[in-house]
Protein backbone atom coordinates (compact mmCIF):
# COMPACT_ATOMS: atom_id res chain seq x y z
CA MET A 1 12.05 12.08 0.57
CA PRO A 2 11.63 15.33 -1.39
CA ALA A 3 8.47 15.96 -3.40
CA PRO A 4 8.63 15.19 -7.12
CA ALA A 5 9.69 18.15 -9.25
CA SER A 6 6.22 18.44 -10.82
CA SER A 7 4.67 18.95 -7.40
CA SER A 8 7.04 21.75 -6.40
CA LYS A 9 6.73 23.63 -9.73
CA ASN A 10 2.95 23.41 -10.01
CA PRO A 11 1.32 22.88 -6.65
CA ARG A 12 -1.93 21.02 -7.22
CA LEU A 13 -5.18 21.62 -5.43
CA TYR A 14 -6.02 17.93 -5.86
CA PRO A 15 -4.04 14.75 -6.49
CA PRO A 16 -3.62 13.63 -10.12
CA ASP A 17 -5.81 10.79 -11.41
CA PHE A 18 -2.81 9.16 -13.10
CA VAL A 19 0.62 9.04 -11.50
CA ASP A 20 4.09 8.11 -12.73
CA ALA A 21 6.57 6.01 -10.74
CA ASP A 22 8.07 9.09 -9.04
CA GLU A 23 4.68 10.37 -7.89
CA LEU A 24 3.53 6.90 -6.82
CA ALA A 25 6.70 6.40 -4.79
CA TYR A 26 6.22 9.84 -3.24
CA ARG A 27 2.58 9.17 -2.34
CA LEU A 28 3.50 5.80 -0.82
CA SER A 29 6.58 7.28 0.89
CA CYS A 30 8.96 4.76 -0.64
CA SER A 31 11.54 4.53 -3.42
CA LYS A 32 10.92 3.85 -7.10
CA SER A 33 12.73 0.53 -6.70
CA THR A 34 10.24 -0.42 -3.97
CA VAL A 35 7.39 0.41 -6.35
CA SER A 36 8.97 -1.84 -9.00
CA SER A 37 9.48 -4.62 -6.47
CA TYR A 38 5.89 -4.37 -5.20
CA VAL A 39 4.54 -4.53 -8.76
CA ALA A 40 6.66 -7.64 -9.44
CA ARG A 41 5.44 -9.25 -6.19
CA GLY A 42 1.79 -8.39 -6.87
CA LEU A 43 1.53 -5.93 -4.00
CA LEU A 44 0.77 -3.09 -6.43
CA PRO A 45 -1.08 -3.23 -9.75
CA LYS A 46 0.80 -3.17 -13.04
CA PRO A 47 0.95 0.26 -14.67
CA MET A 48 -0.77 1.11 -17.95
CA ARG A 49 0.74 2.67 -21.01
CA ILE A 50 -0.80 5.88 -22.34
CA GLY A 51 1.15 6.63 -25.51
CA ASP A 52 4.76 6.84 -24.36
CA LEU A 53 3.76 7.36 -20.73
CA VAL A 54 3.72 4.67 -18.06
CA ARG A 55 1.11 5.53 -15.46
CA TRP A 56 -0.94 4.12 -12.61
CA ARG A 57 -4.52 5.21 -12.06
CA TRP A 58 -4.43 6.34 -8.43
CA SER A 59 -7.96 5.08 -7.73
CA THR A 60 -6.88 1.59 -8.87
CA VAL A 61 -3.80 1.69 -6.63
CA ASP A 62 -5.95 2.81 -3.70
CA LYS A 63 -8.47 -0.01 -4.26
CA PHE A 64 -5.67 -2.54 -4.72
CA ILE A 65 -4.09 -1.55 -1.40
CA GLY A 66 -7.51 -1.62 0.28
CA ALA A 67 -8.11 -5.17 -0.95
CA LEU A 68 -4.69 -6.25 0.34
CA GLU A 69 -5.52 -4.65 3.70
CA THR A 70 -8.81 -6.55 3.92
CA GLU A 71 -7.09 -9.81 2.95
CA ALA A 72 -4.29 -9.21 5.46
CA ASP A 73 -6.81 -8.46 8.22
CA SER A 74 -8.63 -11.75 7.63
CA HIS A 75 -5.36 -13.73 7.66
CA ALA A 76 -3.92 -11.81 10.58
CA ASP A 77 -6.75 -12.88 12.86
CA ALA A 78 -6.06 -16.57 12.19
CA ASP A 79 -2.33 -16.23 12.91
CA ASP A 80 -2.48 -13.79 15.82
CA PRO A 81 -1.31 -15.60 19.00
CA TYR A 82 -3.02 -13.00 21.19
CA LEU A 83 -6.38 -13.57 19.51
CA LYS A 84 -5.89 -17.35 19.69
CA GLY A 85 -5.34 -17.02 23.44
CA VAL A 86 -8.41 -14.84 23.86
CA GLN A 87 -10.52 -17.33 21.89
CA ARG A 88 -9.29 -20.24 24.06
CA GLY A 89 -9.92 -18.25 27.21
CA ALA A 90 -7.50 -16.86 29.73
CA PRO A 91 -5.45 -19.45 31.63
CA ALA A 92 -6.06 -19.67 35.33
CA GLU A 93 -3.70 -17.40 37.23
CA ALA A 94 -1.03 -19.15 39.21
CA SER A 95 -1.26 -18.57 42.94
CA HIS A 96 1.83 -17.18 44.57
């Protein structure tokens, strides 16, 4: 996916604090439609309006994703068949 036009015209020394849908999609390496879908599904925060602009505060997006990661990690352990097997103990090996 090519970099947004703003990034190629004015290379930044640091990431912007507020990003539009193009920049957010670029930073997440996905399409704008995926960003919209994730917002609708609650996987990304809703954007804010600054005048006529629709923007996400990158720090909020980063924290939101971090919270989802933490939540997913706690649920993943409960559903992981490998971890369930380890917790039960290894079955006795069959003799051949």
